[in-house]
Amino acid sequence: MSDNKNAEMVEKKLKSRLRQFRKVLKDEDEKQKFFDEICGSEILVRMDLFLPSKNPDKYIDGIFIYMNDAGKIVDAEYYYKELDEVTVTRLSEKDLKVVTNLFQDEFSLEIE
């Protein structure tokens, strides 16, 4: 599927879900039924690490680290911001392993 068709399909599905959410908000019974049908959920926490910069007035860069509810790093993205332009790129499996090895023991996550 082309990126354009995929984007259109996702946009259509989103609009459909939002109509469903609006409907559910209007009726407590429908709302309860909706929640009863949700098959699960997952917690994902994003940490934003601001990396040291020699010229922070000109640019900043950092790593978004995504951790699951067990505190394990499951994904990461690198971002670079210069003036008002931000570029974000997902780390490859190889680079994710480096980030995981460096940061995994530095952060803990406790969810109650």
PDB file of N, CA and C in Angstrom:
ATOM      1  N   MET A   1       0.858  -1.182   0.000  1.00  0.00           N
ATOM      2  CA  MET A   1       0.000   0.000   0.000  1.00  0.00           C
ATOM      3  C   MET A   1       0.897   1.235   0.000  1.00  0.00           C
ATOM      4  N   SER A   2       0.600   2.194  -0.862  1.00  0.00           N
ATOM      5  CA  SER A   2       1.407   3.409  -0.931  1.00  0.00           C
ATOM      6  C   SER A   2       1.233   4.219   0.348  1.00  0.00           C
ATOM      7  N   ASP A   3       2.225   5.065   0.606  1.00  0.00           N
ATOM      8  CA  ASP A   3       2.168   5.893   1.812  1.00  0.00           C
ATOM      9  C   ASP A   3       0.949   6.803   1.817  1.00  0.00           C
ATOM     10  N   ASN A   4       0.601   7.332   0.638  1.00  0.00           N
ATOM     11  CA  ASN A   4      -0.539   8.222   0.541  1.00  0.00           C
ATOM     12  C   ASN A   4      -1.848   7.494   0.832  1.00  0.00           C
ATOM     13  N   LYS A   5      -2.017   6.294   0.252  1.00  0.00           N
ATOM     14  CA  LYS A   5      -3.234   5.514   0.503  1.00  0.00           C
ATOM     15  C   LYS A   5      -3.290   5.078   1.956  1.00  0.00           C
ATOM     16  N   ASN A   6      -2.154   4.711   2.502  1.00  0.00           N
ATOM     17  CA  ASN A   6      -2.091   4.296   3.903  1.00  0.00           C
ATOM     18  C   ASN A   6      -2.471   5.469   4.813  1.00  0.00           C
ATOM     19  N   ALA A   7      -1.957   6.652   4.517  1.00  0.00           N
ATOM     20  CA  ALA A   7      -2.284   7.838   5.313  1.00  0.00           C
ATOM     21  C   ALA A   7      -3.778   8.146   5.231  1.00  0.00           C
ATOM     22  N   GLU A   8      -4.365   8.016   4.044  1.00  0.00           N
ATOM     23  CA  GLU A   8      -5.799   8.250   3.882  1.00  0.00           C
ATOM     24  C   GLU A   8      -6.611   7.237   4.681  1.00  0.00           C
ATOM     25  N   MET A   9      -6.202   5.987   4.640  1.00  0.00           N
ATOM     26  CA  MET A   9      -6.908   4.931   5.351  1.00  0.00           C
ATOM     27  C   MET A   9      -6.837   5.177   6.867  1.00  0.00           C
ATOM     28  N   VAL A  10      -5.668   5.568   7.336  1.00  0.00           N
ATOM     29  CA  VAL A  10      -5.510   5.839   8.770  1.00  0.00           C
ATOM     30  C   VAL A  10      -6.356   7.039   9.174  1.00  0.00           C
ATOM     31  N   GLU A  11      -6.367   8.074   8.362  1.00  0.00           N
ATOM     32  CA  GLU A  11      -7.173   9.262   8.666  1.00  0.00           C
ATOM     33  C   GLU A  11      -8.659   8.911   8.725  1.00  0.00           C
ATOM     34  N   LYS A  12      -9.112   8.070   7.810  1.00  0.00           N
ATOM     35  CA  LYS A  12     -10.511   7.628   7.796  1.00  0.00           C
ATOM     36  C   LYS A  12     -10.848   6.838   9.061  1.00  0.00           C
ATOM     37  N   LYS A  13      -9.946   5.942   9.440  1.00  0.00           N
ATOM     38  CA  LYS A  13     -10.161   5.121  10.628  1.00  0.00           C
ATOM     39  C   LYS A  13     -10.185   6.002  11.885  1.00  0.00           C
ATOM     40  N   LEU A  14      -9.291   6.984  11.937  1.00  0.00           N
ATOM     41  CA  LEU A  14      -9.263   7.904  13.076  1.00  0.00           C
ATOM     42  C   LEU A  14     -10.583   8.656  13.198  1.00  0.00           C
ATOM     43  N   LYS A  15     -11.091   9.157  12.089  1.00  0.00           N
ATOM     44  CA  LYS A  15     -12.366   9.886  12.124  1.00  0.00           C
ATOM     45  C   LYS A  15     -13.491   8.974  12.608  1.00  0.00           C
ATOM     46  N   SER A  16     -13.475   7.718  12.168  1.00  0.00           N
ATOM     47  CA  SER A  16     -14.475   6.754  12.603  1.00  0.00           C
ATOM     48  C   SER A  16     -14.389   6.521  14.114  1.00  0.00           C
ATOM     49  N   ARG A  17     -13.163   6.361  14.606  1.00  0.00           N
ATOM     50  CA  ARG A  17     -12.986   6.149  16.058  1.00  0.00           C
ATOM     51  C   ARG A  17     -13.450   7.370  16.850  1.00  0.00           C
ATOM     52  N   LEU A  18     -13.150   8.553  16.369  1.00  0.00           N
ATOM     53  CA  LEU A  18     -13.558   9.764  17.087  1.00  0.00           C
ATOM     54  C   LEU A  18     -15.075   9.901  17.125  1.00  0.00           C
ATOM     55  N   ARG A  19     -15.758   9.514  16.037  1.00  0.00           N
ATOM     56  CA  ARG A  19     -17.230   9.506  16.070  1.00  0.00           C
ATOM     57  C   ARG A  19     -17.710   8.531  17.155  1.00  0.00           C
ATOM     58  N   GLN A  20     -17.063   7.368  17.209  1.00  0.00           N
ATOM     59  CA  GLN A  20     -17.416   6.362  18.221  1.00  0.00           C
ATOM     60  C   GLN A  20     -17.182   6.927  19.627  1.00  0.00           C
ATOM     61  N   PHE A  21     -16.065   7.595  19.851  1.00  0.00           N
ATOM     62  CA  PHE A  21     -15.762   8.166  21.168  1.00  0.00           C
ATOM     63  C   PHE A  21     -16.795   9.207  21.565  1.00  0.00           C
ATOM     64  N   ARG A  22     -17.179  10.068  20.616  1.00  0.00           N
ATOM     65  CA  ARG A  22     -18.195  11.092  20.911  1.00  0.00           C
ATOM     66  C   ARG A  22     -19.523  10.453  21.308  1.00  0.00           C
ATOM     67  N   LYS A  23     -19.901   9.400  20.590  1.00  0.00           N
ATOM     68  CA  LYS A  23     -21.146   8.689  20.885  1.00  0.00           C
ATOM     69  C   LYS A  23     -21.095   8.073  22.286  1.00  0.00           C
ATOM     70  N   VAL A  24     -19.982   7.447  22.598  1.00  0.00           N
ATOM     71  CA  VAL A  24     -19.817   6.784  23.894  1.00  0.00           C
ATOM     72  C   VAL A  24     -19.871   7.802  25.036  1.00  0.00           C
ATOM     73  N   LEU A  25     -19.346   8.993  24.806  1.00  0.00           N
ATOM     74  CA  LEU A  25     -19.355  10.030  25.840  1.00  0.00           C
ATOM     75  C   LEU A  25     -20.766  10.472  26.220  1.00  0.00           C
ATOM     76  N   LYS A  26     -21.718  10.275  25.325  1.00  0.00           N
ATOM     77  CA  LYS A  26     -23.085  10.733  25.560  1.00  0.00           C
ATOM     78  C   LYS A  26     -23.950   9.744  26.329  1.00  0.00           C
ATOM     79  N   ASP A  27     -23.475   8.509  26.503  1.00  0.00           N
ATOM     80  CA  ASP A  27     -24.310   7.470  27.102  1.00  0.00           C
ATOM     81  C   ASP A  27     -23.467   6.597  28.035  1.00  0.00           C
ATOM     82  N   GLU A  28     -23.777   6.652  29.324  1.00  0.00           N
ATOM     83  CA  GLU A  28     -22.991   5.895  30.321  1.00  0.00           C
ATOM     84  C   GLU A  28     -23.004   4.388  30.061  1.00  0.00           C
ATOM     85  N   ASP A  29     -24.163   3.845  29.649  1.00  0.00           N
ATOM     86  CA  ASP A  29     -24.226   2.407  29.352  1.00  0.00           C
ATOM     87  C   ASP A  29     -23.308   2.047  28.177  1.00  0.00           C
ATOM     88  N   GLU A  30     -23.357   2.875  27.130  1.00  0.00           N
ATOM     89  CA  GLU A  30     -22.482   2.652  25.962  1.00  0.00           C
ATOM     90  C   GLU A  30     -21.011   2.791  26.364  1.00  0.00           C
ATOM     91  N   LYS A  31     -20.762   3.751  27.251  1.00  0.00           N
ATOM     92  CA  LYS A  31     -19.390   3.969  27.719  1.00  0.00           C
ATOM     93  C   LYS A  31     -18.890   2.735  28.463  1.00  0.00           C
ATOM     94  N   GLN A  32     -19.692   2.187  29.346  1.00  0.00           N
ATOM     95  CA  GLN A  32     -19.294   0.999  30.105  1.00  0.00           C
ATOM     96  C   GLN A  32     -19.093  -0.196  29.172  1.00  0.00           C
ATOM     97  N   LYS A  33     -20.012  -0.355  28.228  1.00  0.00           N
ATOM     98  CA  LYS A  33     -19.894  -1.442  27.254  1.00  0.00           C
ATOM     99  C   LYS A  33     -18.595  -1.299  26.456  1.00  0.00           C
ATOM    100  N   PHE A  34     -18.285  -0.068  26.053  1.00  0.00           N
ATOM    101  CA  PHE A  34     -17.065   0.200  25.299  1.00  0.00           C
ATOM    102  C   PHE A  34     -15.836  -0.206  26.116  1.00  0.00           C
ATOM    103  N   PHE A  35     -15.781   0.221  27.376  1.00  0.00           N
ATOM    104  CA  PHE A  35     -14.633  -0.110  28.221  1.00  0.00           C
ATOM    105  C   PHE A  35     -14.537  -1.609  28.486  1.00  0.00           C
ATOM    106  N   ASP A  36     -15.670  -2.271  28.610  1.00  0.00           N
ATOM    107  CA  ASP A  36     -15.665  -3.723  28.813  1.00  0.00           C
ATOM    108  C   ASP A  36     -15.090  -4.469  27.610  1.00  0.00           C
ATOM    109  N   GLU A  37     -15.204  -3.869  26.428  1.00  0.00           N
ATOM    110  CA  GLU A  37     -14.724  -4.520  25.206  1.00  0.00           C
ATOM    111  C   GLU A  37     -13.260  -4.233  24.889  1.00  0.00           C
ATOM    112  N   ILE A  38     -12.639  -3.325  25.623  1.00  0.00           N
ATOM    113  CA  ILE A  38     -11.218  -3.046  25.384  1.00  0.00           C
ATOM    114  C   ILE A  38     -10.428  -4.275  25.801  1.00  0.00           C
ATOM    115  N   CYS A  39      -9.620  -4.773  24.867  1.00  0.00           N
ATOM    116  CA  CYS A  39      -8.937  -6.055  25.104  1.00  0.00           C
ATOM    117  C   CYS A  39      -7.636  -5.912  25.884  1.00  0.00           C
ATOM    118  N   GLY A  40      -7.170  -4.728  26.130  1.00  0.00           N
ATOM    119  CA  GLY A  40      -5.953  -4.565  26.913  1.00  0.00           C
ATOM    120  C   GLY A  40      -5.390  -3.169  26.761  1.00  0.00           C
ATOM    121  N   SER A  41      -4.345  -2.926  27.482  1.00  0.00           N
ATOM    122  CA  SER A  41      -3.644  -1.650  27.379  1.00  0.00           C
ATOM    123  C   SER A  41      -2.187  -1.886  27.762  1.00  0.00           C
ATOM    124  N   GLU A  42      -1.378  -0.922  27.432  1.00  0.00           N
ATOM    125  CA  GLU A  42       0.048  -1.039  27.714  1.00  0.00           C
ATOM    126  C   GLU A  42       0.563   0.339  28.081  1.00  0.00           C
ATOM    127  N   ILE A  43       1.430   0.382  29.062  1.00  0.00           N
ATOM    128  CA  ILE A  43       2.024   1.644  29.466  1.00  0.00           C
ATOM    129  C   ILE A  43       3.365   1.784  28.766  1.00  0.00           C
ATOM    130  N   LEU A  44       3.587   2.954  28.207  1.00  0.00           N
ATOM    131  CA  LEU A  44       4.858   3.266  27.584  1.00  0.00           C
ATOM    132  C   LEU A  44       5.244   4.658  28.057  1.00  0.00           C
ATOM    133  N   VAL A  45       6.399   4.772  28.688  1.00  0.00           N
ATOM    134  CA  VAL A  45       6.854   6.032  29.249  1.00  0.00           C
ATOM    135  C   VAL A  45       7.966   6.581  28.359  1.00  0.00           C
ATOM    136  N   ARG A  46       7.884   7.861  28.030  1.00  0.00           N
ATOM    137  CA  ARG A  46       8.932   8.491  27.228  1.00  0.00           C
ATOM    138  C   ARG A  46       9.761   9.396  28.110  1.00  0.00           C
ATOM    139  N   MET A  47      11.052   9.190  28.064  1.00  0.00           N
ATOM    140  CA  MET A  47      11.990  10.077  28.759  1.00  0.00           C
ATOM    141  C   MET A  47      12.697  10.898  27.701  1.00  0.00           C
ATOM    142  N   ASP A  48      12.881  12.160  27.976  1.00  0.00           N
ATOM    143  CA  ASP A  48      13.554  13.063  27.052  1.00  0.00           C
ATOM    144  C   ASP A  48      14.904  13.419  27.660  1.00  0.00           C
ATOM    145  N   LEU A  49      15.975  12.925  27.042  1.00  0.00           N
ATOM    146  CA  LEU A  49      17.315  13.226  27.526  1.00  0.00           C
ATOM    147  C   LEU A  49      17.892  14.368  26.708  1.00  0.00           C
ATOM    148  N   PHE A  50      18.224  15.462  27.356  1.00  0.00           N
ATOM    149  CA  PHE A  50      18.841  16.602  26.690  1.00  0.00           C
ATOM    150  C   PHE A  50      20.344  16.389  26.720  1.00  0.00           C
ATOM    151  N   LEU A  51      20.945  16.145  25.585  1.00  0.00           N
ATOM    152  CA  LEU A  51      22.374  15.861  25.520  1.00  0.00           C
ATOM    153  C   LEU A  51      23.182  17.145  25.630  1.00  0.00           C
ATOM    154  N   PRO A  52      24.417  17.035  26.161  1.00  0.00           N
ATOM    155  CA  PRO A  52      25.254  18.242  26.297  1.00  0.00           C
ATOM    156  C   PRO A  52      25.517  18.857  24.920  1.00  0.00           C
ATOM    157  N   SER A  53      25.487  20.186  24.847  1.00  0.00           N
ATOM    158  CA  SER A  53      25.715  20.894  23.595  1.00  0.00           C
ATOM    159  C   SER A  53      26.726  22.000  23.832  1.00  0.00           C
ATOM    160  N   LYS A  54      27.664  22.144  22.910  1.00  0.00           N
ATOM    161  CA  LYS A  54      28.659  23.213  23.023  1.00  0.00           C
ATOM    162  C   LYS A  54      28.045  24.580  22.733  1.00  0.00           C
ATOM    163  N   ASN A  55      26.924  24.585  22.023  1.00  0.00           N
ATOM    164  CA  ASN A  55      26.279  25.837  21.665  1.00  0.00           C
ATOM    165  C   ASN A  55      24.759  25.703  21.787  1.00  0.00           C
ATOM    166  N   PRO A  56      24.234  25.624  23.008  1.00  0.00           N
ATOM    167  CA  PRO A  56      22.795  25.396  23.192  1.00  0.00           C
ATOM    168  C   PRO A  56      21.905  26.534  22.678  1.00  0.00           C
ATOM    169  N   ASP A  57      22.468  27.714  22.478  1.00  0.00           N
ATOM    170  CA  ASP A  57      21.670  28.804  21.909  1.00  0.00           C
ATOM    171  C   ASP A  57      21.417  28.583  20.424  1.00  0.00           C
ATOM    172  N   LYS A  58      22.279  27.811  19.775  1.00  0.00           N
ATOM    173  CA  LYS A  58      22.142  27.547  18.347  1.00  0.00           C
ATOM    174  C   LYS A  58      21.362  26.263  18.075  1.00  0.00           C
ATOM    175  N   TYR A  59      21.654  25.212  18.850  1.00  0.00           N
ATOM    176  CA  TYR A  59      20.978  23.929  18.631  1.00  0.00           C
ATOM    177  C   TYR A  59      20.953  23.120  19.920  1.00  0.00           C
ATOM    178  N   ILE A  60      19.981  22.211  19.986  1.00  0.00           N
ATOM    179  CA  ILE A  60      19.958  21.203  21.043  1.00  0.00           C
ATOM    180  C   ILE A  60      19.668  19.871  20.374  1.00  0.00           C
ATOM    181  N   ASP A  61      20.132  18.828  21.008  1.00  0.00           N
ATOM    182  CA  ASP A  61      19.799  17.498  20.524  1.00  0.00           C
ATOM    183  C   ASP A  61      19.614  16.595  21.721  1.00  0.00           C
ATOM    184  N   GLY A  62      18.983  15.461  21.470  1.00  0.00           N
ATOM    185  CA  GLY A  62      18.717  14.565  22.579  1.00  0.00           C
ATOM    186  C   GLY A  62      18.175  13.236  22.106  1.00  0.00           C
ATOM    187  N   ILE A  63      17.809  12.443  23.077  1.00  0.00           N
ATOM    188  CA  ILE A  63      17.289  11.105  22.828  1.00  0.00           C
ATOM    189  C   ILE A  63      15.945  10.982  23.542  1.00  0.00           C
ATOM    190  N   PHE A  64      14.932  10.524  22.818  1.00  0.00           N
ATOM    191  CA  PHE A  64      13.688  10.106  23.435  1.00  0.00           C
ATOM    192  C   PHE A  64      13.846   8.621  23.719  1.00  0.00           C
ATOM    193  N   ILE A  65      13.731   8.239  24.979  1.00  0.00           N
ATOM    194  CA  ILE A  65      13.826   6.826  25.359  1.00  0.00           C
ATOM    195  C   ILE A  65      12.436   6.374  25.787  1.00  0.00           C
ATOM    196  N   TYR A  66      11.984   5.286  25.206  1.00  0.00           N
ATOM    197  CA  TYR A  66      10.668   4.726  25.521  1.00  0.00           C
ATOM    198  C   TYR A  66      10.858   3.467  26.356  1.00  0.00           C
ATOM    199  N   MET A  67      10.201   3.453  27.524  1.00  0.00           N
ATOM    200  CA  MET A  67      10.303   2.316  28.442  1.00  0.00           C
ATOM    201  C   MET A  67       8.918   1.717  28.649  1.00  0.00           C
ATOM    202  N   ASN A  68       8.872   0.390  28.768  1.00  0.00           N
ATOM    203  CA  ASN A  68       7.595  -0.257  29.059  1.00  0.00           C
ATOM    204  C   ASN A  68       7.349  -0.229  30.559  1.00  0.00           C
ATOM    205  N   ASP A  69       6.225  -0.796  31.002  1.00  0.00           N
ATOM    206  CA  ASP A  69       5.866  -0.734  32.422  1.00  0.00           C
ATOM    207  C   ASP A  69       6.780  -1.562  33.307  1.00  0.00           C
ATOM    208  N   ALA A  70       7.633  -2.404  32.711  1.00  0.00           N
ATOM    209  CA  ALA A  70       8.617  -3.159  33.485  1.00  0.00           C
ATOM    210  C   ALA A  70       9.926  -2.380  33.612  1.00  0.00           C
ATOM    211  N   GLY A  71      10.001  -1.198  32.996  1.00  0.00           N
ATOM    212  CA  GLY A  71      11.207  -0.386  33.075  1.00  0.00           C
ATOM    213  C   GLY A  71      12.258  -0.739  32.032  1.00  0.00           C
ATOM    214  N   LYS A  72      11.886  -1.550  31.057  1.00  0.00           N
ATOM    215  CA  LYS A  72      12.829  -1.953  30.009  1.00  0.00           C
ATOM    216  C   LYS A  72      12.745  -0.960  28.850  1.00  0.00           C
ATOM    217  N   ILE A  73      13.899  -0.545  28.338  1.00  0.00           N
ATOM    218  CA  ILE A  73      13.935   0.324  27.171  1.00  0.00           C
ATOM    219  C   ILE A  73      13.497  -0.496  25.963  1.00  0.00           C
ATOM    220  N   VAL A  74      12.452  -0.029  25.281  1.00  0.00           N
ATOM    221  CA  VAL A  74      11.912  -0.778  24.141  1.00  0.00           C
ATOM    222  C   VAL A  74      12.088  -0.046  22.817  1.00  0.00           C
ATOM    223  N   ASP A  75      12.405   1.240  22.859  1.00  0.00           N
ATOM    224  CA  ASP A  75      12.597   1.995  21.626  1.00  0.00           C
ATOM    225  C   ASP A  75      13.290   3.307  21.976  1.00  0.00           C
ATOM    226  N   ALA A  76      13.827   3.965  20.953  1.00  0.00           N
ATOM    227  CA  ALA A  76      14.466   5.263  21.158  1.00  0.00           C
ATOM    228  C   ALA A  76      14.487   6.030  19.849  1.00  0.00           C
ATOM    229  N   GLU A  77      14.491   7.350  19.979  1.00  0.00           N
ATOM    230  CA  GLU A  77      14.583   8.230  18.827  1.00  0.00           C
ATOM    231  C   GLU A  77      15.597   9.319  19.149  1.00  0.00           C
ATOM    232  N   TYR A  78      16.296   9.774  18.126  1.00  0.00           N
ATOM    233  CA  TYR A  78      17.222  10.892  18.262  1.00  0.00           C
ATOM    234  C   TYR A  78      16.538  12.121  17.678  1.00  0.00           C
ATOM    235  N   TYR A  79      16.701  13.276  18.340  1.00  0.00           N
ATOM    236  CA  TYR A  79      16.151  14.498  17.775  1.00  0.00           C
ATOM    237  C   TYR A  79      17.212  15.591  17.769  1.00  0.00           C
ATOM    238  N   TYR A  80      17.077  16.471  16.795  1.00  0.00           N
ATOM    239  CA  TYR A  80      17.980  17.606  16.631  1.00  0.00           C
ATOM    240  C   TYR A  80      17.103  18.820  16.388  1.00  0.00           C
ATOM    241  N   LYS A  81      17.293  19.874  17.194  1.00  0.00           N
ATOM    242  CA  LYS A  81      16.480  21.079  17.064  1.00  0.00           C
ATOM    243  C   LYS A  81      17.395  22.279  16.865  1.00  0.00           C
ATOM    244  N   GLU A  82      17.167  22.954  15.738  1.00  0.00           N
ATOM    245  CA  GLU A  82      17.903  24.173  15.436  1.00  0.00           C
ATOM    246  C   GLU A  82      16.875  25.248  15.133  1.00  0.00           C
ATOM    247  N   LEU A  83      16.934  26.340  15.873  1.00  0.00           N
ATOM    248  CA  LEU A  83      15.913  27.379  15.809  1.00  0.00           C
ATOM    249  C   LEU A  83      14.552  26.747  16.072  1.00  0.00           C
ATOM    250  N   ASP A  84      13.595  26.857  15.169  1.00  0.00           N
ATOM    251  CA  ASP A  84      12.276  26.262  15.400  1.00  0.00           C
ATOM    252  C   ASP A  84      12.072  24.977  14.618  1.00  0.00           C
ATOM    253  N   GLU A  85      13.110  24.451  14.006  1.00  0.00           N
ATOM    254  CA  GLU A  85      12.996  23.227  13.213  1.00  0.00           C
ATOM    255  C   GLU A  85      13.519  22.041  14.007  1.00  0.00           C
ATOM    256  N   VAL A  86      12.677  21.009  14.078  1.00  0.00           N
ATOM    257  CA  VAL A  86      13.047  19.795  14.803  1.00  0.00           C
ATOM    258  C   VAL A  86      13.004  18.626  13.828  1.00  0.00           C
ATOM    259  N   THR A  87      14.042  17.808  13.893  1.00  0.00           N
ATOM    260  CA  THR A  87      14.085  16.578  13.104  1.00  0.00           C
ATOM    261  C   THR A  87      14.221  15.419  14.080  1.00  0.00           C
ATOM    262  N   VAL A  88      13.363  14.419  13.905  1.00  0.00           N
ATOM    263  CA  VAL A  88      13.374  13.241  14.774  1.00  0.00           C
ATOM    264  C   VAL A  88      13.568  12.019  13.897  1.00  0.00           C
ATOM    265  N   THR A  89      14.444  11.124  14.345  1.00  0.00           N
ATOM    266  CA  THR A  89      14.661   9.883  13.606  1.00  0.00           C
ATOM    267  C   THR A  89      14.721   8.711  14.581  1.00  0.00           C
ATOM    268  N   ARG A  90      14.087   7.641  14.182  1.00  0.00           N
ATOM    269  CA  ARG A  90      14.071   6.434  15.005  1.00  0.00           C
ATOM    270  C   ARG A  90      15.428   5.745  14.923  1.00  0.00           C
ATOM    271  N   LEU A  91      15.885   5.198  16.030  1.00  0.00           N
ATOM    272  CA  LEU A  91      17.159   4.496  16.049  1.00  0.00           C
ATOM    273  C   LEU A  91      17.012   3.097  15.453  1.00  0.00           C
ATOM    274  N   SER A  92      18.040   2.668  14.752  1.00  0.00           N
ATOM    275  CA  SER A  92      18.066   1.313  14.205  1.00  0.00           C
ATOM    276  C   SER A  92      18.206   0.318  15.358  1.00  0.00           C
ATOM    277  N   GLU A  93      17.981  -0.947  15.069  1.00  0.00           N
ATOM    278  CA  GLU A  93      18.136  -1.997  16.101  1.00  0.00           C
ATOM    279  C   GLU A  93      19.533  -1.946  16.707  1.00  0.00           C
ATOM    280  N   LYS A  94      20.535  -1.780  15.845  1.00  0.00           N
ATOM    281  CA  LYS A  94      21.938  -1.745  16.293  1.00  0.00           C
ATOM    282  C   LYS A  94      22.182  -0.549  17.219  1.00  0.00           C
ATOM    283  N   ASP A  95      21.679   0.631  16.818  1.00  0.00           N
ATOM    284  CA  ASP A  95      21.856   1.835  17.628  1.00  0.00           C
ATOM    285  C   ASP A  95      21.030   1.779  18.908  1.00  0.00           C
ATOM    286  N   LEU A  96      19.848   1.174  18.838  1.00  0.00           N
ATOM    287  CA  LEU A  96      19.025   0.997  20.031  1.00  0.00           C
ATOM    288  C   LEU A  96      19.761   0.159  21.066  1.00  0.00           C
ATOM    289  N   LYS A  97      20.479  -0.849  20.608  1.00  0.00           N
ATOM    290  CA  LYS A  97      21.247  -1.696  21.529  1.00  0.00           C
ATOM    291  C   LYS A  97      22.325  -0.882  22.254  1.00  0.00           C
ATOM    292  N   VAL A  98      22.981   0.020  21.536  1.00  0.00           N
ATOM    293  CA  VAL A  98      23.996   0.880  22.152  1.00  0.00           C
ATOM    294  C   VAL A  98      23.356   1.767  23.220  1.00  0.00           C
ATOM    295  N   VAL A  99      22.234   2.407  22.871  1.00  0.00           N
ATOM    296  CA  VAL A  99      21.535   3.288  23.813  1.00  0.00           C
ATOM    297  C   VAL A  99      21.046   2.483  25.017  1.00  0.00           C
ATOM    298  N   THR A 100      20.508   1.307  24.770  1.00  0.00           N
ATOM    299  CA  THR A 100      20.036   0.453  25.866  1.00  0.00           C
ATOM    300  C   THR A 100      21.186   0.083  26.786  1.00  0.00           C
ATOM    301  N   ASN A 101      22.300  -0.328  26.216  1.00  0.00           N
ATOM    302  CA  ASN A 101      23.464  -0.699  27.036  1.00  0.00           C
ATOM    303  C   ASN A 101      23.967   0.471  27.865  1.00  0.00           C
ATOM    304  N   LEU A 102      23.916   1.670  27.308  1.00  0.00           N
ATOM    305  CA  LEU A 102      24.403   2.848  28.022  1.00  0.00           C
ATOM    306  C   LEU A 102      23.446   3.307  29.118  1.00  0.00           C
ATOM    307  N   PHE A 103      22.144   3.332  28.835  1.00  0.00           N
ATOM    308  CA  PHE A 103      21.193   3.967  29.741  1.00  0.00           C
ATOM    309  C   PHE A 103      20.326   3.031  30.576  1.00  0.00           C
ATOM    310  N   GLN A 104      20.216   1.769  30.251  1.00  0.00           N
ATOM    311  CA  GLN A 104      19.255   0.888  30.919  1.00  0.00           C
ATOM    312  C   GLN A 104      19.408   0.883  32.442  1.00  0.00           C
ATOM    313  N   ASP A 105      20.615   0.842  32.933  1.00  0.00           N
ATOM    314  CA  ASP A 105      20.826   0.766  34.389  1.00  0.00           C
ATOM    315  C   ASP A 105      20.781   2.135  35.072  1.00  0.00           C
ATOM    316  N   GLU A 106      20.655   3.202  34.309  1.00  0.00           N
ATOM    317  CA  GLU A 106      20.640   4.555  34.881  1.00  0.00           C
ATOM    318  C   GLU A 106      19.256   5.006  35.311  1.00  0.00           C
ATOM    319  N   PHE A 107      18.216   4.355  34.784  1.00  0.00           N
ATOM    320  CA  PHE A 107      16.854   4.778  35.085  1.00  0.00           C
ATOM    321  C   PHE A 107      16.052   3.612  35.626  1.00  0.00           C
ATOM    322  N   SER A 108      15.178   3.922  36.562  1.00  0.00           N
ATOM    323  CA  SER A 108      14.250   2.899  37.047  1.00  0.00           C
ATOM    324  C   SER A 108      12.846   3.468  36.939  1.00  0.00           C
ATOM    325  N   LEU A 109      11.910   2.559  36.863  1.00  0.00           N
ATOM    326  CA  LEU A 109      10.522   2.972  36.708  1.00  0.00           C
ATOM    327  C   LEU A 109       9.691   2.191  37.703  1.00  0.00           C
ATOM    328  N   GLU A 110       8.938   2.910  38.536  1.00  0.00           N
ATOM    329  CA  GLU A 110       8.050   2.270  39.498  1.00  0.00           C
ATOM    330  C   GLU A 110       6.635   2.761  39.249  1.00  0.00           C
ATOM    331  N   ILE A 111       5.761   1.846  38.934  1.00  0.00           N
ATOM    332  CA  ILE A 111       4.367   2.197  38.684  1.00  0.00           C
ATOM    333  C   ILE A 111       3.509   1.526  39.745  1.00  0.00           C
ATOM    334  N   GLU A 112       2.672   2.317  40.384  1.00  0.00           N
ATOM    335  CA  GLU A 112       1.792   1.769  41.425  1.00  0.00           C
ATOM    336  C   GLU A 112       0.373   1.738  40.946  1.00  0.00           C
TER     337      GLU A 112
END
